Protein backbone atom coordinates (compact mmCIF):
# COMPACT_ATOMS: atom_id res chain seq x y z
CA MET A 1 175.99 162.38 108.94
CA LYS A 2 172.59 162.24 110.36
CA SER A 3 173.24 158.34 111.98
CA VAL A 4 176.05 160.23 114.00
CA ASN A 5 173.98 163.44 115.20
CA GLN A 6 171.36 160.51 116.20
CA ARG A 7 173.69 158.35 118.06
CA SER A 8 175.34 161.71 119.96
CA GLN A 9 172.00 162.79 120.89
CA SER A 10 170.73 159.23 121.64
CA THR A 11 173.87 159.24 124.41
CA ILE A 12 172.50 162.49 126.22
CA PRO A 13 170.44 160.78 128.65
CA ASN A 14 173.64 158.38 129.34
CA HIS A 15 175.89 161.50 129.96
CA VAL A 16 173.47 163.29 132.05
CA VAL A 17 172.92 160.33 134.54
CA LEU A 18 176.67 159.78 134.42
CA MET A 19 177.06 163.62 135.47
CA ILE A 20 174.51 163.13 138.23
CA LEU A 21 176.37 159.95 139.71
CA LEU A 22 179.88 161.80 139.46
CA PHE A 23 178.27 164.95 141.27
CA VAL A 24 176.75 162.97 144.23
CA ALA A 25 180.14 160.89 144.67
CA LEU A 26 181.82 163.80 144.50
CA LEU A 27 179.94 166.13 146.80
CA PRO A 28 180.78 164.22 150.03
CA VAL A 29 184.52 164.18 149.23
CA LEU A 30 184.72 168.15 148.27
CA SER A 31 182.37 168.76 151.43
CA LEU A 32 184.97 166.86 153.69
CA LEU A 33 187.99 168.48 152.25
CA MET A 34 186.75 171.96 152.62
CA ASN A 35 185.79 171.34 156.03
CA SER A 36 189.02 170.45 157.19
CA PHE A 37 190.32 173.83 156.18
CA LYS A 38 187.18 175.41 158.84
CA SER A 39 187.31 176.03 162.83
CA THR A 40 184.41 174.24 164.34
CA ALA A 41 182.30 177.66 164.76
CA GLU A 42 182.47 178.24 160.61
CA LEU A 43 181.81 174.70 160.13
CA GLY A 44 178.47 175.06 161.73
CA SER A 45 177.19 178.40 160.24
CA ASN A 46 178.97 177.13 156.67
CA PRO A 47 179.03 173.06 156.35
CA LEU A 48 178.72 173.03 152.85
CA GLY A 49 180.65 176.38 151.45
CA ILE A 50 184.05 177.64 150.82
CA PRO A 51 186.03 178.21 153.80
CA GLN A 52 185.94 181.91 154.55
CA THR A 53 189.45 181.70 156.63
CA TRP A 54 191.80 178.95 155.55
CA ARG A 55 193.02 176.97 158.26
CA ILE A 56 195.93 175.01 157.21
CA GLU A 57 196.88 174.24 160.85
CA ASN A 58 194.24 172.16 161.09
CA TYR A 59 196.26 169.45 159.61
CA THR A 60 199.48 169.86 161.95
CA GLU A 61 197.24 169.97 164.75
CA ALA A 62 195.16 166.82 163.62
CA TRP A 63 198.42 165.30 163.00
CA ALA A 64 199.67 165.75 166.29
CA GLY A 65 196.70 165.40 168.49
CA GLY A 66 195.71 162.17 166.69
CA ARG A 67 199.53 160.61 166.94
CA TYR A 68 199.37 160.14 163.27
CA ALA A 69 203.32 159.34 163.13
CA THR A 70 202.32 156.58 165.27
CA ILE A 71 199.07 155.10 164.12
CA ILE A 72 200.12 155.40 160.26
CA PRO A 73 203.12 152.82 160.66
CA ASN A 74 200.91 150.59 162.78
CA SER A 75 198.22 150.45 160.31
CA VAL A 76 200.56 149.93 157.53
CA ILE A 77 202.13 146.97 159.40
CA ILE A 78 198.86 145.30 160.02
CA THR A 79 197.46 145.80 156.41
CA ALA A 80 200.19 144.59 154.69
CA MET A 81 200.54 141.63 156.78
CA THR A 82 196.57 140.83 156.74
CA ILE A 83 197.13 141.40 152.82
CA VAL A 84 199.98 138.84 152.96
CA GLY A 85 197.94 136.55 155.31
CA THR A 86 194.84 136.38 153.47
CA LEU A 87 196.55 136.06 150.13
CA ALA A 88 198.46 133.35 151.22
CA LEU A 89 195.62 131.42 152.55
CA ALA A 90 193.00 132.23 149.66
CA GLY A 91 195.45 131.55 146.43
CA PRO A 92 195.99 128.18 147.26
CA ALA A 93 192.67 127.35 148.44
CA ALA A 94 190.94 129.23 145.35
CA TYR A 95 193.38 127.14 143.18
CA GLY A 96 191.93 123.34 144.82
CA LEU A 97 188.46 124.78 144.73
CA ALA A 98 188.61 126.19 140.89
CA ARG A 99 191.13 123.37 139.29
CA LEU A 100 190.94 120.23 141.64
CA LYS A 101 188.06 118.94 141.13
CA LEU A 102 187.54 118.18 145.13
CA ARG A 103 184.50 116.21 146.43
CA GLY A 104 181.77 119.02 147.91
CA SER A 105 183.88 122.21 146.05
CA ASP A 106 180.54 123.65 145.07
CA TRP A 107 179.60 123.23 148.50
CA ILE A 108 182.77 124.89 150.35
CA THR A 109 182.43 128.06 147.53
CA PHE A 110 178.79 128.43 148.53
CA TYR A 111 180.08 128.35 152.30
CA PHE A 112 182.53 130.73 151.60
CA LEU A 113 179.77 133.08 149.92
CA VAL A 114 177.71 132.78 153.12
CA GLY A 115 180.43 133.77 154.84
CA THR A 116 181.00 137.18 153.20
CA SER A 117 177.48 138.07 153.95
CA VAL A 118 177.50 136.96 157.92
CA PRO A 119 177.58 140.55 160.07
CA ALA A 120 181.15 140.46 162.24
CA GLN A 121 179.21 141.29 165.03
CA LEU A 122 177.50 138.24 165.52
CA PHE A 123 180.71 136.51 167.01
CA ILE A 124 182.81 139.33 168.66
CA VAL A 125 181.70 138.37 172.27
CA PRO A 126 182.97 134.75 171.93
CA LEU A 127 185.96 135.70 169.88
CA PHE A 128 186.90 138.36 172.49
CA ILE A 129 186.61 135.46 175.03
CA MET A 130 188.80 133.30 172.95
CA TRP A 131 191.49 135.50 172.51
CA ARG A 132 191.43 136.49 175.92
CA ASP A 133 192.41 132.92 176.82
CA LEU A 134 194.83 132.83 174.27
CA HIS A 135 196.40 136.10 175.16
CA LEU A 136 195.87 137.72 171.91
CA LEU A 137 194.22 140.87 173.22
CA ASN A 138 196.10 143.90 172.70
CA THR A 139 198.40 142.57 170.22
CA ARG A 140 198.99 143.41 166.30
CA LEU A 141 198.95 139.37 165.83
CA GLY A 142 195.37 138.79 167.52
CA LEU A 143 194.10 141.43 165.12
CA ILE A 144 195.70 140.62 161.96
CA ILE A 145 194.47 136.87 162.56
CA ILE A 146 191.04 138.27 162.97
CA TYR A 147 191.21 140.30 159.64
CA CYS A 148 192.29 137.66 157.76
CA GLY A 149 189.80 135.32 159.03
CA LEU A 150 187.21 138.33 157.70
CA SER A 151 188.86 138.63 154.39
CA ALA A 152 189.72 135.07 153.21
CA PRO A 153 186.11 133.95 152.27
CA PHE A 154 185.76 136.80 150.09
CA ALA A 155 189.46 136.65 148.59
CA THR A 156 188.81 133.00 148.15
CA TYR A 157 185.62 133.25 145.93
CA LEU A 158 187.17 136.33 143.94
CA LEU A 159 190.16 134.30 143.10
CA ARG A 160 188.14 131.40 142.29
CA SER A 161 186.44 133.24 139.67
CA TYR A 162 189.65 134.44 138.22
CA PHE A 163 191.45 131.04 138.21
CA ILE A 164 188.20 129.72 136.41
CA SER A 165 188.46 132.22 133.41
CA LEU A 166 192.31 131.17 133.02
CA PRO A 167 192.92 128.83 129.71
CA GLU A 168 192.80 125.24 130.69
CA GLU A 169 195.60 124.42 127.63
CA PHE A 170 198.31 126.11 129.81
CA ILE A 171 197.38 123.58 132.79
CA GLU A 172 197.01 120.60 130.46
CA ALA A 173 200.27 121.46 128.91
CA ALA A 174 202.03 121.57 132.26
CA ARG A 175 200.72 118.61 133.61
CA ILE A 176 201.79 116.81 130.65
CA ASP A 177 205.39 118.19 131.17
CA GLY A 178 205.02 116.33 134.81
CA ALA A 179 204.38 119.59 136.43
CA SER A 180 202.91 119.13 140.02
CA ASN A 181 200.33 120.92 141.42
CA LEU A 182 202.47 123.19 143.53
CA GLN A 183 204.21 123.82 140.54
CA ILE A 184 201.18 124.85 138.35
CA PHE A 185 200.03 127.31 141.09
CA LEU A 186 203.32 129.06 141.63
CA ARG A 187 204.62 129.03 137.70
CA ILE A 188 201.83 129.39 135.98
CA ILE A 189 198.36 130.12 137.97
CA MET A 190 199.92 132.97 139.57
CA PRO A 191 201.87 134.70 136.99
CA LEU A 192 198.73 134.65 134.83
CA SER A 193 196.38 135.94 137.64
CA TYR A 194 198.59 138.36 139.27
CA PRO A 195 195.69 141.30 138.35
CA GLY A 196 193.17 138.98 140.60
CA PHE A 197 195.81 139.12 143.47
CA LEU A 198 196.00 142.45 143.09
CA THR A 199 192.68 143.31 143.20
CA ALA A 200 191.94 140.84 145.68
CA GLY A 201 194.98 142.44 147.81
CA LEU A 202 193.36 146.10 147.24
CA VAL A 203 190.13 145.07 148.72
CA VAL A 204 191.35 143.44 151.76
CA GLY A 205 193.77 146.09 152.28
CA LEU A 206 191.22 148.55 152.16
CA GLY A 207 188.96 146.72 154.60
CA ALA A 208 191.85 146.32 157.01
CA TRP A 209 192.71 150.06 156.93
CA ASN A 210 189.45 151.33 157.53
CA GLU A 211 188.01 148.46 159.88
CA PHE A 212 187.26 150.37 163.20
CA LEU A 213 184.98 147.92 165.32
CA PHE A 214 187.58 145.03 166.00
CA ALA A 215 190.21 147.59 166.20
CA VAL A 216 188.93 149.72 168.85
CA THR A 217 187.65 146.45 170.76
CA PHE A 218 190.90 144.02 170.92
CA LEU A 219 193.31 147.28 171.11
CA SER A 220 193.61 149.13 173.98
CA ASP A 221 197.53 150.15 173.93
CA PRO A 222 197.38 153.65 172.22
CA ASP A 223 201.07 152.76 170.41
CA LEU A 224 199.19 149.91 168.76
CA LYS A 225 196.15 151.42 168.13
CA PRO A 226 195.55 151.65 164.03
CA ILE A 227 195.01 154.97 162.03
CA SER A 228 190.79 154.04 161.82
CA THR A 229 190.80 154.76 165.62
CA GLY A 230 192.71 158.07 165.56
CA LEU A 231 189.20 160.10 165.08
CA TYR A 232 188.59 159.30 168.90
CA ALA A 233 191.45 161.94 169.56
CA PHE A 234 189.54 164.95 168.40
CA GLN A 235 186.51 164.14 170.86
CA THR A 236 186.14 165.25 174.17
CA ARG A 237 183.48 164.08 176.63
CA PHE A 238 180.88 167.03 175.93
CA ALA A 239 182.04 168.54 172.38
CA ARG A 240 184.24 167.28 169.21
CA ASP A 241 186.56 169.42 167.22
CA TRP A 242 185.03 168.81 163.74
CA GLY A 243 187.64 171.06 161.70
CA LEU A 244 190.54 168.71 163.32
CA THR A 245 188.00 165.76 162.92
CA ASN A 246 187.62 166.48 158.99
CA ALA A 247 191.50 167.06 158.74
CA GLY A 248 192.20 163.53 160.49
CA ALA A 249 189.80 162.18 158.09
CA VAL A 250 191.47 163.36 155.01
CA ILE A 251 194.76 162.02 155.89
CA MET A 252 193.32 158.72 156.68
CA VAL A 253 191.45 158.47 153.21
CA LEU A 254 194.54 160.11 151.46
CA PRO A 255 197.11 157.33 150.95
CA ILE A 256 194.28 154.82 150.09
CA ILE A 257 192.84 157.49 147.11
CA ILE A 258 196.63 158.25 146.15
CA LEU A 259 197.26 154.01 146.09
CA PHE A 260 193.83 153.66 143.98
CA LEU A 261 194.66 156.14 141.51
CA PHE A 262 198.18 154.43 140.50
CA LEU A 263 196.52 150.98 140.57
CA GLN A 264 192.98 151.51 139.28
CA ARG A 265 193.70 150.25 135.80
CA ARG A 266 194.82 147.13 137.08
CA PHE A 267 192.19 146.93 139.81
CA VAL A 268 189.50 147.52 137.21
CA GLU A 269 191.06 144.43 135.17
CA GLY A 270 191.12 142.10 137.85
CA LEU A 271 187.49 142.64 138.69
CA THR A 272 186.06 142.18 135.08
CA GLN A 273 188.15 139.43 134.13
CA GLY A 274 187.48 137.92 137.52
CA GLY A 275 184.00 137.99 136.70
CA LEU A 276 183.82 136.35 133.26
CA LYS A 277 183.32 133.04 134.89
CA ALA A 278 181.76 131.83 138.12
């Protein structure tokens, strides 16, 4: 009994730290939610408190003013195609680096790791010129190709780590039965690695959904813009409606939060299992 009490007392500092971190993480979200029901004037005088007048109409005005009925489907299309394209590239590449013992695979893996840390702003100007010459400006396809290129190094590195952690016996048994590398990848690696693919897809999709710089640079047609550019609608030359901006931000992040709550168990499983080996 004494040891149990000592153990519970020893975990008190851990709980205190976790509660502080939880408060720090939730405070911006709660502040965003509360401010989404305020007018701009009330938000300036009461930025952190509960709204004195709950303006439910902020959401209807933000939905209409931000053209969310148009930009949400655009983002869904761009995000879905980015996930499919990135995983289609990263899956076979990760399998080759993890299981085929290619010459120079360690250097290629290191190159992919470096590629995840290179700021995209470094090549946005030459890429813009190239896309202009290829007539890919102001097209969803052009933006999807960019997102796939930006996401593929990280997805390849993550999936490679996951593939290495899989038992070698399954692959050797398939080779003895005469399976080709393509059959091994499609029938053994992919079914066993679906948490890894799910994790990579969620990370890639989140990046594509929230990306702003390339979206606002390479798309000029309002009917093609994604949701990340929607908050521009609430800004005028000399002012911004912060109540509608917060409501629009809630609309933007709500689908991601709901999706993560449904898939958080698989997401964490994919991250932890993929990190067992490098």
